């Protein structure tokens, strides 16, 4: 999949990305890793697909949150993105009823689990926001 994303990721459609990531009412970690790579290699093209809204509509609010964060913090790639969120303004970490609450446990959890789960570890750390 990596080669396809590297060479042709700029031609993916919204529907193709949804099929890549969505598995019934949840997401595929492998597909999610592909989504992450799309944002790394083709950030403008991926952001233009309207993925936060598409994943919200598909019932995958946590993936919608991730897409919104990738678009809110452009230019951050690979591992740098996840660790940038650990330092970001707390108010910027909310979208679609989900939020990432920074605390000492979060930092430890992300740094110890990241090598095995990649950026999908962030979705495991989301909580519902007070207004969500």
N, C-alpha and C. Protein backbone atom coordinates (compact mmCIF):
# COMPACT_ATOMS: atom_id res chain seq x y z
N UNK A 1 0.82 -1.19 0.00
CA UNK A 1 0.00 0.00 0.00
C UNK A 1 0.87 1.26 0.00
N UNK A 2 2.01 1.19 0.68
CA UNK A 2 2.87 2.35 0.80
C UNK A 2 3.30 2.86 -0.57
N UNK A 3 3.67 1.95 -1.47
CA UNK A 3 4.09 2.37 -2.80
C UNK A 3 2.98 3.06 -3.57
N UNK A 4 1.77 2.56 -3.44
CA UNK A 4 0.62 3.16 -4.10
C UNK A 4 0.39 4.58 -3.58
N UNK A 5 0.49 4.74 -2.29
CA UNK A 5 0.28 6.07 -1.69
C UNK A 5 1.40 7.01 -2.11
N UNK A 6 2.63 6.53 -2.11
CA UNK A 6 3.76 7.37 -2.48
C UNK A 6 3.64 7.88 -3.92
N UNK A 7 3.21 7.00 -4.83
CA UNK A 7 3.20 7.38 -6.24
C UNK A 7 1.86 7.91 -6.74
N UNK A 8 0.76 7.46 -6.15
CA UNK A 8 -0.54 7.86 -6.67
C UNK A 8 -1.50 8.42 -5.66
N UNK A 9 -1.02 8.70 -4.46
CA UNK A 9 -1.90 9.19 -3.40
C UNK A 9 -2.58 10.49 -3.72
N UNK A 10 -2.00 11.27 -4.61
CA UNK A 10 -2.61 12.55 -4.97
C UNK A 10 -3.85 12.39 -5.84
N UNK A 11 -4.13 11.18 -6.29
CA UNK A 11 -5.31 10.96 -7.13
C UNK A 11 -6.43 10.22 -6.38
N UNK A 12 -6.26 9.96 -5.09
CA UNK A 12 -7.30 9.29 -4.32
C UNK A 12 -8.53 10.18 -4.20
N UNK A 13 -9.69 9.55 -4.19
CA UNK A 13 -10.93 10.27 -3.97
C UNK A 13 -11.35 10.09 -2.51
N UNK A 14 -12.30 10.88 -2.09
CA UNK A 14 -12.83 10.75 -0.73
C UNK A 14 -13.38 9.34 -0.50
N UNK A 15 -14.12 8.83 -1.45
CA UNK A 15 -14.71 7.48 -1.33
C UNK A 15 -13.63 6.42 -1.20
N UNK A 16 -12.55 6.55 -1.95
CA UNK A 16 -11.46 5.57 -1.87
C UNK A 16 -10.78 5.59 -0.50
N UNK A 17 -10.60 6.78 0.04
CA UNK A 17 -9.99 6.87 1.37
C UNK A 17 -10.91 6.27 2.42
N UNK A 18 -12.20 6.53 2.31
CA UNK A 18 -13.15 5.92 3.25
C UNK A 18 -13.09 4.40 3.17
N UNK A 19 -13.03 3.85 1.97
CA UNK A 19 -12.94 2.39 1.82
C UNK A 19 -11.62 1.86 2.36
N UNK A 20 -10.57 2.62 2.23
CA UNK A 20 -9.26 2.23 2.74
C UNK A 20 -9.29 2.08 4.26
N UNK A 21 -9.96 3.00 4.93
CA UNK A 21 -9.91 3.08 6.39
C UNK A 21 -11.07 2.35 7.08
N UNK A 22 -12.26 2.49 6.58
CA UNK A 22 -13.44 1.99 7.28
C UNK A 22 -13.60 0.47 7.17
N UNK A 23 -13.92 -0.14 8.30
CA UNK A 23 -14.27 -1.56 8.36
C UNK A 23 -15.54 -1.69 9.18
N UNK A 24 -16.67 -1.67 8.50
CA UNK A 24 -17.95 -1.70 9.20
C UNK A 24 -18.12 -0.44 10.02
N UNK A 25 -18.36 -0.61 11.32
CA UNK A 25 -18.56 0.55 12.19
C UNK A 25 -17.28 0.95 12.92
N UNK A 26 -16.14 0.45 12.46
CA UNK A 26 -14.86 0.81 13.06
C UNK A 26 -13.84 1.07 11.95
N UNK A 27 -12.58 1.11 12.30
CA UNK A 27 -11.54 1.40 11.31
C UNK A 27 -10.47 0.32 11.36
N UNK A 28 -9.78 0.19 10.25
CA UNK A 28 -8.64 -0.72 10.13
C UNK A 28 -7.38 0.04 10.51
N UNK A 29 -6.58 -0.52 11.41
CA UNK A 29 -5.32 0.17 11.77
C UNK A 29 -4.40 0.24 10.56
N UNK A 30 -4.41 -0.77 9.71
CA UNK A 30 -3.59 -0.74 8.50
C UNK A 30 -4.08 0.36 7.57
N UNK A 31 -5.39 0.44 7.37
CA UNK A 31 -5.95 1.50 6.55
C UNK A 31 -5.69 2.87 7.15
N UNK A 32 -5.75 2.94 8.47
CA UNK A 32 -5.47 4.21 9.16
C UNK A 32 -4.02 4.63 8.92
N UNK A 33 -3.10 3.66 8.94
CA UNK A 33 -1.70 3.98 8.66
C UNK A 33 -1.55 4.53 7.24
N UNK A 34 -2.35 3.99 6.30
CA UNK A 34 -2.35 4.55 4.95
C UNK A 34 -2.86 5.98 4.93
N UNK A 35 -3.89 6.26 5.71
CA UNK A 35 -4.42 7.62 5.82
C UNK A 35 -3.35 8.56 6.37
N UNK A 36 -2.66 8.12 7.38
CA UNK A 36 -1.59 8.91 7.96
C UNK A 36 -0.52 9.22 6.92
N UNK A 37 -0.18 8.22 6.12
CA UNK A 37 0.84 8.41 5.08
C UNK A 37 0.34 9.37 4.00
N UNK A 38 -0.95 9.31 3.68
CA UNK A 38 -1.49 10.27 2.72
C UNK A 38 -1.29 11.70 3.20
N UNK A 39 -1.56 11.94 4.48
CA UNK A 39 -1.35 13.29 5.03
C UNK A 39 0.13 13.65 5.04
N UNK A 40 1.01 12.67 5.22
CA UNK A 40 2.45 12.95 5.22
C UNK A 40 2.95 13.34 3.83
N UNK A 41 2.56 12.55 2.82
CA UNK A 41 3.12 12.71 1.48
C UNK A 41 2.33 13.69 0.62
N UNK A 42 1.02 13.71 0.77
CA UNK A 42 0.15 14.55 -0.04
C UNK A 42 -0.75 15.41 0.85
N UNK A 43 -0.20 16.28 1.68
CA UNK A 43 -1.02 17.00 2.66
C UNK A 43 -2.10 17.91 2.06
N UNK A 44 -1.77 18.67 1.03
CA UNK A 44 -2.76 19.58 0.46
C UNK A 44 -3.86 18.81 -0.25
N UNK A 45 -3.46 17.80 -1.02
CA UNK A 45 -4.44 17.00 -1.76
C UNK A 45 -5.37 16.24 -0.81
N UNK A 46 -4.81 15.72 0.26
CA UNK A 46 -5.61 14.98 1.23
C UNK A 46 -6.56 15.92 1.98
N UNK A 47 -6.06 17.08 2.37
CA UNK A 47 -6.89 18.05 3.08
C UNK A 47 -8.05 18.53 2.19
N UNK A 48 -7.86 18.55 0.90
CA UNK A 48 -8.90 19.02 -0.02
C UNK A 48 -10.06 18.03 -0.16
N UNK A 49 -9.92 16.82 0.36
CA UNK A 49 -10.95 15.79 0.21
C UNK A 49 -12.12 15.93 1.19
N UNK A 50 -12.00 16.80 2.17
CA UNK A 50 -13.09 16.96 3.15
C UNK A 50 -13.27 15.75 4.04
N UNK A 51 -12.16 15.16 4.46
CA UNK A 51 -12.22 13.91 5.22
C UNK A 51 -12.80 14.04 6.63
N UNK A 52 -12.57 15.13 7.36
CA UNK A 52 -13.20 15.20 8.68
C UNK A 52 -14.73 15.06 8.60
N UNK A 53 -15.33 15.77 7.67
CA UNK A 53 -16.77 15.71 7.51
C UNK A 53 -17.21 14.33 7.00
N UNK A 54 -16.44 13.75 6.08
CA UNK A 54 -16.80 12.45 5.51
C UNK A 54 -16.75 11.35 6.57
N UNK A 55 -15.72 11.36 7.40
CA UNK A 55 -15.63 10.34 8.45
C UNK A 55 -16.70 10.57 9.53
N UNK A 56 -17.02 11.84 9.81
CA UNK A 56 -18.13 12.12 10.74
C UNK A 56 -19.42 11.51 10.20
N UNK A 57 -19.69 11.77 8.94
CA UNK A 57 -20.91 11.27 8.31
C UNK A 57 -20.94 9.73 8.30
N UNK A 58 -19.76 9.11 8.18
CA UNK A 58 -19.66 7.65 8.16
C UNK A 58 -19.72 7.04 9.57
N UNK A 59 -19.81 7.88 10.59
CA UNK A 59 -19.91 7.39 11.96
C UNK A 59 -18.57 7.06 12.60
N UNK A 60 -17.50 7.55 12.03
CA UNK A 60 -16.16 7.33 12.58
C UNK A 60 -15.60 8.65 13.11
N UNK A 61 -16.20 9.11 14.21
CA UNK A 61 -15.83 10.39 14.79
C UNK A 61 -14.38 10.48 15.22
N UNK A 62 -13.82 9.37 15.68
CA UNK A 62 -12.42 9.42 16.12
C UNK A 62 -11.49 9.62 14.93
N UNK A 63 -11.79 8.99 13.81
CA UNK A 63 -10.97 9.18 12.61
C UNK A 63 -11.18 10.60 12.07
N UNK A 64 -12.42 11.11 12.17
CA UNK A 64 -12.69 12.49 11.77
C UNK A 64 -11.85 13.44 12.62
N UNK A 65 -11.75 13.16 13.92
CA UNK A 65 -10.92 13.98 14.82
C UNK A 65 -9.48 13.98 14.32
N UNK A 66 -8.96 12.81 14.00
CA UNK A 66 -7.57 12.71 13.53
C UNK A 66 -7.37 13.56 12.27
N UNK A 67 -8.28 13.43 11.30
CA UNK A 67 -8.16 14.21 10.07
C UNK A 67 -8.18 15.71 10.36
N UNK A 68 -9.07 16.11 11.25
CA UNK A 68 -9.15 17.52 11.61
C UNK A 68 -7.85 18.00 12.26
N UNK A 69 -7.24 17.16 13.07
CA UNK A 69 -5.98 17.54 13.71
C UNK A 69 -4.85 17.62 12.68
N UNK A 70 -4.82 16.68 11.73
CA UNK A 70 -3.78 16.74 10.70
C UNK A 70 -3.92 18.02 9.88
N UNK A 71 -5.14 18.46 9.67
CA UNK A 71 -5.37 19.68 8.90
C UNK A 71 -5.16 20.93 9.75
N UNK A 72 -5.36 20.81 11.05
CA UNK A 72 -5.16 21.93 11.97
C UNK A 72 -3.67 22.18 12.21
N UNK A 73 -2.87 21.14 12.12
CA UNK A 73 -1.42 21.24 12.35
C UNK A 73 -0.69 20.78 11.09
N UNK A 74 -0.78 21.54 10.01
CA UNK A 74 -0.14 21.12 8.76
C UNK A 74 1.39 21.17 8.87
N UNK A 75 2.02 20.39 8.03
CA UNK A 75 3.47 20.41 7.97
C UNK A 75 4.15 19.50 8.98
N UNK A 76 3.40 18.83 9.83
CA UNK A 76 3.97 17.90 10.80
C UNK A 76 3.83 16.49 10.22
N UNK A 77 4.93 15.78 10.14
CA UNK A 77 4.92 14.46 9.50
C UNK A 77 5.31 13.36 10.47
N UNK A 78 4.88 12.16 10.11
CA UNK A 78 5.29 10.95 10.80
C UNK A 78 5.14 11.09 12.31
N UNK A 79 6.12 10.65 13.05
CA UNK A 79 6.06 10.66 14.51
C UNK A 79 5.99 12.08 15.08
N UNK A 80 6.52 13.02 14.36
CA UNK A 80 6.55 14.40 14.85
C UNK A 80 5.14 14.90 15.11
N UNK A 81 4.18 14.53 14.26
CA UNK A 81 2.81 14.99 14.43
C UNK A 81 2.24 14.55 15.78
N UNK A 82 2.34 13.27 16.10
CA UNK A 82 1.78 12.76 17.35
C UNK A 82 2.39 13.45 18.56
N UNK A 83 3.68 13.64 18.52
CA UNK A 83 4.34 14.25 19.67
C UNK A 83 4.12 15.76 19.72
N UNK A 84 3.83 16.37 18.58
CA UNK A 84 3.46 17.79 18.56
C UNK A 84 2.14 18.00 19.30
N UNK A 85 1.22 17.06 19.16
CA UNK A 85 -0.07 17.18 19.86
C UNK A 85 0.10 17.13 21.37
N UNK A 86 1.12 16.45 21.83
CA UNK A 86 1.36 16.38 23.28
C UNK A 86 1.78 17.73 23.84
N UNK A 87 2.17 18.67 22.96
CA UNK A 87 2.59 20.00 23.41
C UNK A 87 1.62 21.10 22.97
N UNK A 88 0.60 20.75 22.22
CA UNK A 88 -0.30 21.76 21.65
C UNK A 88 -1.22 22.35 22.71
N UNK A 89 -1.76 23.52 22.40
CA UNK A 89 -2.75 24.16 23.25
C UNK A 89 -3.95 23.22 23.40
N UNK A 90 -4.34 22.96 24.61
CA UNK A 90 -5.41 22.01 24.91
C UNK A 90 -6.70 22.32 24.14
N UNK A 91 -7.01 23.59 23.98
CA UNK A 91 -8.26 23.97 23.30
C UNK A 91 -8.24 23.60 21.83
N UNK A 92 -7.06 23.46 21.25
CA UNK A 92 -6.97 23.10 19.83
C UNK A 92 -7.14 21.60 19.60
N UNK A 93 -7.24 20.82 20.66
CA UNK A 93 -7.27 19.37 20.54
C UNK A 93 -8.68 18.79 20.58
N UNK A 94 -9.67 19.62 20.28
CA UNK A 94 -11.07 19.18 20.27
C UNK A 94 -11.63 19.28 18.86
N UNK A 95 -12.43 18.28 18.52
CA UNK A 95 -13.15 18.31 17.25
C UNK A 95 -14.26 17.27 17.29
N UNK A 96 -15.42 17.65 16.83
CA UNK A 96 -16.52 16.72 16.65
C UNK A 96 -16.95 15.96 17.89
N UNK A 97 -16.80 16.57 19.05
CA UNK A 97 -17.21 15.91 20.29
C UNK A 97 -16.11 15.08 20.93
N UNK A 98 -14.94 15.05 20.34
CA UNK A 98 -13.80 14.31 20.89
C UNK A 98 -12.68 15.27 21.24
N UNK A 99 -11.90 14.86 22.22
CA UNK A 99 -10.73 15.67 22.59
C UNK A 99 -9.62 14.77 23.10
N UNK A 100 -8.44 15.26 22.96
CA UNK A 100 -7.26 14.61 23.51
C UNK A 100 -6.85 15.40 24.73
N UNK A 101 -6.93 14.79 25.89
CA UNK A 101 -6.60 15.47 27.14
C UNK A 101 -5.15 15.13 27.48
N UNK A 102 -4.35 16.17 27.54
CA UNK A 102 -2.93 15.98 27.85
C UNK A 102 -2.74 15.85 29.35
N UNK A 103 -2.00 14.83 29.74
CA UNK A 103 -1.58 14.67 31.12
C UNK A 103 -0.35 13.75 31.12
N UNK A 104 0.22 13.51 32.29
CA UNK A 104 1.43 12.69 32.35
C UNK A 104 1.19 11.27 31.84
N UNK A 105 0.02 10.72 32.14
CA UNK A 105 -0.29 9.36 31.69
C UNK A 105 -0.37 9.29 30.17
N UNK A 106 -0.93 10.31 29.54
CA UNK A 106 -1.04 10.33 28.09
C UNK A 106 0.34 10.29 27.45
N UNK A 107 1.23 11.14 27.92
CA UNK A 107 2.58 11.18 27.36
C UNK A 107 3.27 9.84 27.47
N UNK A 108 3.16 9.21 28.62
CA UNK A 108 3.78 7.90 28.82
C UNK A 108 3.13 6.86 27.91
N UNK A 109 1.81 6.84 27.85
CA UNK A 109 1.09 5.86 27.05
C UNK A 109 1.45 6.00 25.58
N UNK A 110 1.44 7.21 25.07
CA UNK A 110 1.74 7.43 23.65
C UNK A 110 3.18 7.04 23.34
N UNK A 111 4.12 7.43 24.17
CA UNK A 111 5.51 7.12 23.86
C UNK A 111 5.82 5.63 23.96
N UNK A 112 5.13 4.91 24.84
CA UNK A 112 5.41 3.48 24.96
C UNK A 112 4.65 2.65 23.93
N UNK A 113 3.50 3.07 23.50
CA UNK A 113 2.69 2.31 22.55
C UNK A 113 2.88 2.72 21.10
N UNK A 114 3.42 3.91 20.86
CA UNK A 114 3.57 4.43 19.50
C UNK A 114 4.34 3.47 18.59
N UNK A 115 5.43 2.87 19.05
CA UNK A 115 6.18 1.98 18.14
C UNK A 115 5.36 0.81 17.62
N UNK A 116 4.32 0.41 18.32
CA UNK A 116 3.51 -0.74 17.92
C UNK A 116 2.24 -0.36 17.18
N UNK A 117 1.71 0.82 17.45
CA UNK A 117 0.42 1.21 16.89
C UNK A 117 0.49 2.43 15.99
N UNK A 118 1.61 3.13 15.97
CA UNK A 118 1.70 4.34 15.17
C UNK A 118 0.73 5.40 15.66
N UNK A 119 0.34 6.27 14.75
CA UNK A 119 -0.53 7.38 15.13
C UNK A 119 -1.92 6.95 15.54
N UNK A 120 -2.30 5.71 15.25
CA UNK A 120 -3.64 5.26 15.68
C UNK A 120 -3.73 5.21 17.20
N UNK A 121 -2.61 5.24 17.89
CA UNK A 121 -2.62 5.27 19.35
C UNK A 121 -3.36 6.51 19.85
N UNK A 122 -3.33 7.58 19.08
CA UNK A 122 -4.02 8.80 19.48
C UNK A 122 -5.53 8.56 19.61
N UNK A 123 -6.09 7.75 18.73
CA UNK A 123 -7.52 7.48 18.77
C UNK A 123 -7.90 6.71 20.03
N UNK A 124 -6.98 5.89 20.53
CA UNK A 124 -7.23 5.14 21.76
C UNK A 124 -7.24 6.05 22.99
N UNK A 125 -6.73 7.25 22.85
CA UNK A 125 -6.60 8.17 23.97
C UNK A 125 -7.69 9.25 23.99
N UNK A 126 -8.59 9.25 23.03
CA UNK A 126 -9.62 10.29 22.96
C UNK A 126 -10.70 10.08 24.00
N UNK A 127 -11.23 11.21 24.46
CA UNK A 127 -12.39 11.19 25.36
C UNK A 127 -13.46 12.07 24.72
N UNK A 128 -14.66 11.93 25.21
CA UNK A 128 -15.74 12.80 24.72
C UNK A 128 -15.57 14.17 25.39
N UNK A 129 -15.73 15.21 24.62
CA UNK A 129 -15.63 16.54 25.20
C UNK A 129 -16.92 16.85 25.93
N UNK A 130 -16.87 17.83 26.81
CA UNK A 130 -18.02 18.18 27.65
C UNK A 130 -19.24 18.58 26.82
N UNK A 131 -18.99 19.19 25.66
CA UNK A 131 -20.11 19.63 24.84
C UNK A 131 -20.47 18.61 23.76
N UNK A 132 -19.80 17.42 23.75
CA UNK A 132 -20.02 16.44 22.69
C UNK A 132 -20.91 15.37 23.03
